[in-house]
């Protein structure tokens, strides 16, 4: 009992709440995408009001991944880690979980999408040589890649912890991975007659835009990077970025430039700002959230990775088999959101409460 109490105290409530909010964003994003995806790709046109609602919800949903990456950076870069110990305790289990789901998702696609089974195709997905048939699995090789460098980054940050040391590389990665891709949306040959531009200095070694979220999240969560900025200004920045992103995306929609969805991806400057500002807001709420840290919050936070793995196949099944013909589109989105979240939690409950070892292997519950 004492041991459990100690473990409970080590958890930071604001990170648990941020993690829960992040998974709600991801589920919202995919529930909206079920219908808004056709609009973004140009296969469907809708009226202005439903477009505004769906685009806003979809954009907010995109904040889930930035939050997850900032949380990971905050937790993993906060102290030095032994390389082999970290690989054994964190990287290897993550790879095992990913491989299990690579197999499960492949057979899911064979059964649900009626795809022909190919051992070569399965092997390519297990070796990270091909994309998963389920879109959300792109996150797995990306986070594994970041985890591999965590022991080295954590050692560097403990030795040289001041943000001033990293201004040049962080700005360079931000310029190449966020600013240029955002500007390119409006500087491509379809819009202003300019060819797509890209930074010739390769910043991929630093994790690109995902590494940027990871590292800046650490400096926000542990070094107080944004603590001197007034909350009012942070909120205004979020509203402004949402407004600017919406205007930009509507411009693209109205002019039917359907090949450009970068404003809805993590390389979008407004999404970058909104995601990290939101993370700072959760950090500031920490002093209040620690007083409402119930066991259900802890258990749900521990299970967000499992919910992430489960929710998309659940959504696909629900969208295919739930009788929703004739329903309002917003109601369909709400149903998919509730079903994806609720069914995923129900599946995970025995792994959270009883089969904990299996939960660690299958769903990376920790």
Protein backbone atom coordinates (compact mmCIF):
# COMPACT_ATOMS: atom_id res chain seq x y z
CA UNK A 1 0.00 0.00 0.00
CA UNK A 2 2.82 2.41 0.89
CA UNK A 3 4.61 1.60 -2.33
CA UNK A 4 1.50 2.41 -4.35
CA UNK A 5 1.10 5.68 -2.50
CA UNK A 6 4.67 6.68 -3.28
CA UNK A 7 4.15 5.90 -6.97
CA UNK A 8 0.98 7.97 -6.95
CA UNK A 9 2.81 10.98 -5.50
CA UNK A 10 5.46 10.87 -8.22
CA UNK A 11 2.88 11.50 -10.92
CA UNK A 12 2.27 15.11 -11.90
CA UNK A 13 -1.43 15.86 -12.17
CA UNK A 14 -1.07 18.54 -14.83
CA UNK A 15 0.73 16.13 -17.15
CA UNK A 16 -1.97 13.51 -16.61
CA UNK A 17 -4.69 16.04 -17.47
CA UNK A 18 -2.70 17.23 -20.48
CA UNK A 19 -2.35 13.62 -21.63
CA UNK A 20 -6.10 13.01 -21.30
CA UNK A 21 -6.89 16.21 -23.19
CA UNK A 22 -4.42 15.15 -25.89
CA UNK A 23 -6.11 11.82 -26.50
CA UNK A 24 -9.52 13.52 -26.61
CA UNK A 25 -8.11 15.84 -29.29
CA UNK A 26 -6.80 12.89 -31.32
CA UNK A 27 -10.14 11.06 -31.15
CA UNK A 28 -11.97 14.28 -32.09
CA UNK A 29 -9.61 14.77 -35.05
CA UNK A 30 -10.28 11.30 -36.45
CA UNK A 31 -14.02 11.44 -35.80
CA UNK A 32 -14.23 14.72 -37.74
CA UNK A 33 -11.86 13.43 -40.42
CA UNK A 34 -14.34 10.68 -41.17
CA UNK A 35 -16.43 13.36 -42.93
CA UNK A 36 -14.20 16.43 -43.25
CA UNK A 37 -11.47 14.41 -44.97
CA UNK A 38 -13.56 14.28 -48.14
CA UNK A 39 -13.88 18.07 -48.03
CA UNK A 40 -10.13 18.60 -47.61
CA UNK A 41 -9.37 16.24 -50.51
CA UNK A 42 -11.90 17.98 -52.78
CA UNK A 43 -14.32 15.09 -53.06
CA UNK A 44 -17.11 17.01 -51.37
CA UNK A 45 -18.28 20.61 -50.97
CA UNK A 46 -20.23 21.81 -47.92
CA UNK A 47 -21.84 25.05 -46.75
CA UNK A 48 -19.90 27.71 -44.85
CA UNK A 49 -21.25 27.04 -41.34
CA UNK A 50 -20.61 23.28 -41.27
CA UNK A 51 -17.22 23.96 -42.89
CA UNK A 52 -16.28 26.38 -40.08
CA UNK A 53 -17.40 23.92 -37.40
CA UNK A 54 -15.64 20.91 -38.91
CA UNK A 55 -12.45 22.83 -39.74
CA UNK A 56 -12.30 24.28 -36.21
CA UNK A 57 -12.83 20.90 -34.56
CA UNK A 58 -10.32 19.27 -36.88
CA UNK A 59 -7.71 21.97 -36.16
CA UNK A 60 -8.24 21.67 -32.40
CA UNK A 61 -7.97 17.90 -32.80
CA UNK A 62 -4.53 18.37 -34.34
CA UNK A 63 -3.27 19.76 -31.01
CA UNK A 64 -3.24 16.25 -29.53
CA UNK A 65 0.06 15.12 -31.06
CA UNK A 66 1.95 18.34 -30.10
CA UNK A 67 0.72 17.83 -26.54
CA UNK A 68 1.82 14.19 -26.48
CA UNK A 69 5.27 15.10 -27.79
CA UNK A 70 5.68 17.99 -25.34
CA UNK A 71 4.65 15.69 -22.47
CA UNK A 72 7.17 13.05 -23.57
CA UNK A 73 9.94 15.63 -23.80
CA UNK A 74 9.10 16.98 -20.35
CA UNK A 75 9.17 13.54 -18.76
CA UNK A 76 12.04 11.92 -20.62
CA UNK A 77 14.58 14.74 -20.90
CA UNK A 78 14.32 15.85 -17.29
CA UNK A 79 17.16 13.66 -16.00
CA UNK A 80 20.05 11.63 -17.33
CA UNK A 81 19.32 8.07 -18.41
CA UNK A 82 21.55 5.05 -18.80
CA UNK A 83 21.43 4.12 -22.48
CA UNK A 84 20.94 0.36 -22.18
CA UNK A 85 18.63 0.59 -19.18
CA UNK A 86 16.38 3.05 -21.03
CA UNK A 87 16.40 0.93 -24.17
CA UNK A 88 15.43 -2.14 -22.13
CA UNK A 89 12.70 -0.47 -20.07
CA UNK A 90 11.22 1.93 -22.60
CA UNK A 91 12.37 1.47 -26.20
CA UNK A 92 12.17 -2.33 -26.44
CA UNK A 93 8.65 -2.55 -24.91
CA UNK A 94 7.53 0.23 -27.28
CA UNK A 95 8.88 -1.69 -30.27
CA UNK A 96 7.21 -4.92 -29.07
CA UNK A 97 3.86 -3.14 -28.70
CA UNK A 98 4.26 -1.57 -32.14
CA UNK A 99 5.07 -4.92 -33.76
CA UNK A 100 2.01 -6.55 -32.18
CA UNK A 101 -0.18 -3.78 -33.55
CA UNK A 102 1.50 -3.88 -36.94
CA UNK A 103 0.36 -7.50 -37.19
CA UNK A 104 -3.12 -6.81 -35.78
CA UNK A 105 -3.69 -3.84 -38.07
CA UNK A 106 -2.51 -5.76 -41.10
CA UNK A 107 -5.03 -8.54 -40.49
CA UNK A 108 -7.66 -5.92 -39.64
CA UNK A 109 -7.12 -4.44 -43.12
CA UNK A 110 -7.27 -7.89 -44.72
CA UNK A 111 -10.58 -8.63 -42.97
CA UNK A 112 -12.30 -5.24 -43.12
CA UNK A 113 -10.86 -3.75 -46.32
CA UNK A 114 -10.88 -7.14 -48.10
CA UNK A 115 -7.20 -6.85 -48.94
CA UNK A 116 -5.24 -9.81 -50.19
CA UNK A 117 -2.85 -11.25 -47.63
CA UNK A 118 0.83 -10.92 -48.48
CA UNK A 119 3.57 -12.15 -46.17
CA UNK A 120 5.96 -9.71 -47.85
CA UNK A 121 3.54 -6.85 -47.21
CA UNK A 122 3.22 -7.80 -43.54
CA UNK A 123 6.99 -8.11 -43.17
CA UNK A 124 7.53 -4.68 -44.75
CA UNK A 125 5.18 -3.08 -42.24
CA UNK A 126 6.84 -4.87 -39.32
CA UNK A 127 10.25 -3.65 -40.52
CA UNK A 128 8.91 -0.07 -40.91
CA UNK A 129 9.46 -0.21 -44.67
CA UNK A 130 5.85 0.51 -45.57
CA UNK A 131 2.97 2.59 -44.18
CA UNK A 132 0.38 0.94 -42.00
CA UNK A 133 -3.12 0.53 -43.49
CA UNK A 134 -4.40 2.46 -40.46
CA UNK A 135 -3.41 6.11 -40.62
CA UNK A 136 -2.81 6.72 -36.91
CA UNK A 137 0.09 4.25 -36.85
CA UNK A 138 2.41 6.81 -38.48
CA UNK A 139 3.07 8.00 -34.93
CA UNK A 140 4.76 4.78 -33.82
CA UNK A 141 7.99 4.75 -35.91
CA UNK A 142 8.27 8.49 -35.31
CA UNK A 143 8.14 8.20 -31.51
CA UNK A 144 10.47 5.16 -31.54
CA UNK A 145 12.97 7.22 -33.52
CA UNK A 146 12.81 10.01 -30.92
CA UNK A 147 13.10 7.56 -28.02
CA UNK A 148 16.34 6.15 -29.43
CA UNK A 149 18.04 9.53 -28.94
CA UNK A 150 16.51 10.32 -25.52
CA UNK A 151 19.47 9.06 -23.37
CA UNK A 152 21.90 11.22 -25.32
CA UNK A 153 19.67 14.30 -25.36
CA UNK A 154 18.89 13.99 -21.65
CA UNK A 155 22.60 13.87 -20.82
CA UNK A 156 23.28 16.96 -22.93
CA UNK A 157 20.38 18.88 -21.38
CA UNK A 158 21.49 18.03 -17.85
CA UNK A 159 25.03 19.20 -18.63
CA UNK A 160 23.95 22.30 -20.53
CA UNK A 161 20.47 23.18 -19.36
CA UNK A 162 20.12 26.81 -20.43
CA UNK A 163 17.89 27.53 -23.41
CA UNK A 164 20.48 30.00 -24.73
CA UNK A 165 22.71 27.11 -25.84
CA UNK A 166 20.04 25.82 -28.20
CA UNK A 167 18.64 28.99 -29.74
CA UNK A 168 20.43 28.57 -33.09
CA UNK A 169 19.59 24.87 -33.74
CA UNK A 170 16.00 25.27 -32.50
CA UNK A 171 15.42 28.34 -34.67
CA UNK A 172 16.98 26.55 -37.64
CA UNK A 173 14.71 23.52 -37.19
CA UNK A 174 11.69 25.79 -36.66
CA UNK A 175 12.54 27.74 -39.81
CA UNK A 176 12.97 24.62 -41.92
CA UNK A 177 10.23 22.46 -40.41
CA UNK A 178 7.52 25.00 -39.53
CA UNK A 179 7.96 28.44 -41.09
CA UNK A 180 8.93 27.39 -44.62
CA UNK A 181 6.26 24.62 -44.91
CA UNK A 182 3.62 27.10 -43.75
CA UNK A 183 4.71 29.81 -46.18
CA UNK A 184 5.02 27.25 -48.97
CA UNK A 185 1.26 26.72 -48.81
CA UNK A 186 0.87 30.23 -50.23
CA UNK A 187 4.06 30.31 -52.30
CA UNK A 188 3.45 27.27 -54.44
CA UNK A 189 2.97 27.32 -58.19
CA UNK A 190 -0.83 26.89 -57.93
CA UNK A 191 -1.30 30.09 -55.94
CA UNK A 192 1.38 32.68 -56.67
CA UNK A 193 3.37 31.02 -59.43
CA UNK A 194 6.32 30.15 -57.22
CA UNK A 195 7.67 26.62 -57.01
CA UNK A 196 7.67 24.77 -53.71
CA UNK A 197 10.57 25.86 -51.51
CA UNK A 198 12.49 23.84 -48.95
CA UNK A 199 15.41 24.46 -46.65
CA UNK A 200 18.53 22.86 -48.11
CA UNK A 201 20.15 22.44 -44.69
CA UNK A 202 18.98 19.03 -43.48
CA UNK A 203 17.57 19.24 -39.94
CA UNK A 204 16.10 15.73 -39.91
CA UNK A 205 18.82 14.50 -37.53
CA UNK A 206 17.26 16.68 -34.85
CA UNK A 207 13.92 14.94 -35.26
CA UNK A 208 12.52 17.61 -37.57
CA UNK A 209 9.29 19.21 -36.44
CA UNK A 210 8.53 16.32 -34.06
CA UNK A 211 11.88 16.69 -32.34
CA UNK A 212 11.15 20.39 -32.08
CA UNK A 213 7.90 19.74 -30.20
CA UNK A 214 9.76 17.23 -28.03
CA UNK A 215 12.60 19.57 -27.05
CA UNK A 216 10.60 22.81 -26.76
CA UNK A 217 8.06 20.89 -24.64
CA UNK A 218 10.90 20.05 -22.25
CA UNK A 219 11.97 23.68 -22.01
CA UNK A 220 8.38 24.76 -21.39
CA UNK A 221 7.59 22.03 -18.87
CA UNK A 222 10.88 22.03 -16.92
CA UNK A 223 12.66 25.31 -17.66
CA UNK A 224 9.71 27.72 -17.70
CA UNK A 225 10.39 28.94 -21.23
CA UNK A 226 7.04 30.78 -21.45
CA UNK A 227 6.42 31.54 -17.78
CA UNK A 228 7.12 35.29 -18.12
CA UNK A 229 4.44 35.77 -20.77
CA UNK A 230 1.08 36.91 -19.39
CA UNK A 231 -1.75 34.39 -19.64
CA UNK A 232 -3.86 36.96 -21.52
CA UNK A 233 -1.24 37.18 -24.26
CA UNK A 234 -0.99 33.41 -24.50
CA UNK A 235 -4.75 33.06 -24.92
CA UNK A 236 -4.81 35.85 -27.50
CA UNK A 237 -2.00 34.08 -29.39
CA UNK A 238 -4.06 30.88 -29.49
CA UNK A 239 -7.19 32.65 -30.73
CA UNK A 240 -5.20 34.61 -33.31
CA UNK A 241 -3.47 31.47 -34.61
CA UNK A 242 -6.77 29.61 -34.87
CA UNK A 243 -8.24 32.58 -36.75
CA UNK A 244 -5.27 32.88 -39.13
CA UNK A 245 -5.19 29.14 -39.79
CA UNK A 246 -8.92 29.09 -40.50
CA UNK A 247 -8.68 32.00 -42.94
CA UNK A 248 -5.77 30.34 -44.72
CA UNK A 249 -7.51 27.00 -44.95
CA UNK A 250 -10.73 28.62 -46.20
CA UNK A 251 -8.73 30.43 -48.89
CA UNK A 252 -7.34 27.08 -50.01
CA UNK A 253 -10.83 25.53 -49.90
CA UNK A 254 -12.46 28.35 -51.88
CA UNK A 255 -9.77 28.23 -54.56
CA UNK A 256 -9.91 24.43 -54.66
CA UNK A 257 -6.22 23.90 -53.98
CA UNK A 258 -6.90 20.46 -52.57
CA UNK A 259 -3.33 19.19 -52.73
CA UNK A 260 -2.34 21.61 -49.95
CA UNK A 261 -3.36 20.39 -46.50
CA UNK A 262 -0.18 21.54 -44.73
CA UNK A 263 -2.10 24.04 -42.62
CA UNK A 264 -3.79 21.06 -41.01
CA UNK A 265 -0.55 19.20 -40.27
CA UNK A 266 2.04 19.61 -37.52
CA UNK A 267 4.30 21.70 -39.74
CA UNK A 268 1.69 24.47 -39.63
CA UNK A 269 3.05 27.47 -37.69
CA UNK A 270 -0.35 28.26 -36.08
CA UNK A 271 -0.78 24.64 -34.93
CA UNK A 272 2.80 24.67 -33.61
CA UNK A 273 2.12 27.81 -31.56
CA UNK A 274 -1.32 26.66 -30.36
CA UNK A 275 -0.05 23.23 -29.28
CA UNK A 276 2.86 24.56 -27.21
CA UNK A 277 0.87 27.46 -25.74
CA UNK A 278 -1.80 24.98 -24.68
CA UNK A 279 0.91 22.91 -23.01
CA UNK A 280 2.06 25.99 -21.09
CA UNK A 281 -1.52 26.63 -19.97
CA UNK A 282 -1.72 23.11 -18.53
CA UNK A 283 1.59 23.72 -16.74
CA UNK A 284 0.22 26.86 -15.14
CA UNK A 285 -2.94 25.05 -14.09
CA UNK A 286 -0.78 22.46 -12.31
CA UNK A 287 -1.14 24.10 -8.89
CA UNK A 288 -4.92 23.71 -9.14
CA UNK A 289 -5.05 20.33 -10.88
CA UNK A 290 -2.91 18.64 -8.23
CA UNK A 291 -5.84 19.02 -5.81
CA UNK A 292 -8.25 17.14 -8.09
CA UNK A 293 -6.00 14.23 -9.01
CA UNK A 294 -8.36 11.28 -8.61
CA UNK A 295 -7.43 7.62 -9.28
CA UNK A 296 -9.69 7.60 -12.34
CA UNK A 297 -7.62 10.44 -13.80
CA UNK A 298 -4.38 8.55 -13.18
CA UNK A 299 -5.72 5.31 -14.69
CA UNK A 300 -7.09 7.10 -17.72
CA UNK A 301 -3.81 8.97 -18.24
CA UNK A 302 -1.85 5.72 -18.02
CA UNK A 303 -4.11 4.20 -20.67
CA UNK A 304 -3.98 6.97 -23.26
CA UNK A 305 -1.45 5.06 -25.37
CA UNK A 306 -3.78 2.08 -25.44
CA UNK A 307 -6.71 4.31 -26.35
CA UNK A 308 -4.60 5.75 -29.16
CA UNK A 309 -3.91 2.26 -30.54
CA UNK A 310 -7.53 1.14 -30.25
CA UNK A 311 -9.65 4.14 -31.15
CA UNK A 312 -9.04 4.23 -34.89
CA UNK A 313 -9.98 0.61 -35.69
CA UNK A 314 -12.99 1.08 -33.39
CA UNK A 315 -13.93 4.25 -35.30
CA UNK A 316 -13.61 2.51 -38.66
CA UNK A 317 -15.84 -0.35 -37.52
CA UNK A 318 -18.41 2.01 -36.04
CA UNK A 319 -18.54 4.20 -39.15
CA UNK A 320 -19.08 1.09 -41.28
CA UNK A 321 -21.62 -0.79 -39.18
CA UNK A 322 -23.49 1.65 -36.93
CA UNK A 323 -26.88 2.60 -38.44
CA UNK A 324 -26.36 6.36 -38.88
CA UNK A 325 -28.02 6.94 -42.26
CA UNK A 326 -30.12 10.08 -42.26
CA UNK A 327 -28.52 11.55 -39.17
CA UNK A 328 -27.09 15.06 -39.06
CA UNK A 329 -23.36 15.05 -39.81
CA UNK A 330 -22.44 16.72 -36.51
CA UNK A 331 -24.44 14.07 -34.68
CA UNK A 332 -22.51 11.39 -36.58
CA UNK A 333 -19.24 12.98 -35.47
CA UNK A 334 -20.39 13.03 -31.84
CA UNK A 335 -21.48 9.38 -32.05
CA UNK A 336 -18.12 8.34 -33.52
CA UNK A 337 -16.24 10.32 -30.89
CA UNK A 338 -18.19 8.82 -27.98
CA UNK A 339 -18.10 5.30 -29.43
CA UNK A 340 -14.36 5.42 -30.21
CA UNK A 341 -13.53 6.64 -26.71
CA UNK A 342 -16.06 4.56 -24.80
CA UNK A 343 -15.44 1.22 -26.51
CA UNK A 344 -11.66 1.69 -26.27
CA UNK A 345 -11.91 2.31 -22.52
CA UNK A 346 -14.18 -0.72 -22.05
CA UNK A 347 -11.67 -2.94 -23.89
CA UNK A 348 -8.83 -1.55 -21.78
CA UNK A 349 -10.55 -1.82 -18.38
CA UNK A 350 -9.48 -5.40 -17.57
CA UNK A 351 -5.92 -4.58 -18.68
CA UNK A 352 -5.90 -1.51 -16.42
CA UNK A 353 -7.33 -3.24 -13.37
CA UNK A 354 -6.44 -6.95 -13.59
CA UNK A 355 -4.24 -8.09 -16.49
CA UNK A 356 -1.64 -5.39 -15.94
CA UNK A 357 1.36 -7.28 -17.36
CA UNK A 358 -0.57 -8.00 -20.55
CA UNK A 359 -1.62 -4.34 -20.59
CA UNK A 360 2.02 -3.23 -20.57
CA UNK A 361 2.83 -5.48 -23.52
CA UNK A 362 -0.27 -4.97 -25.64
CA UNK A 363 -1.06 -1.33 -24.91
CA UNK A 364 2.11 0.12 -23.33
CA UNK A 365 0.15 0.99 -20.17
CA UNK A 366 2.60 2.48 -17.71
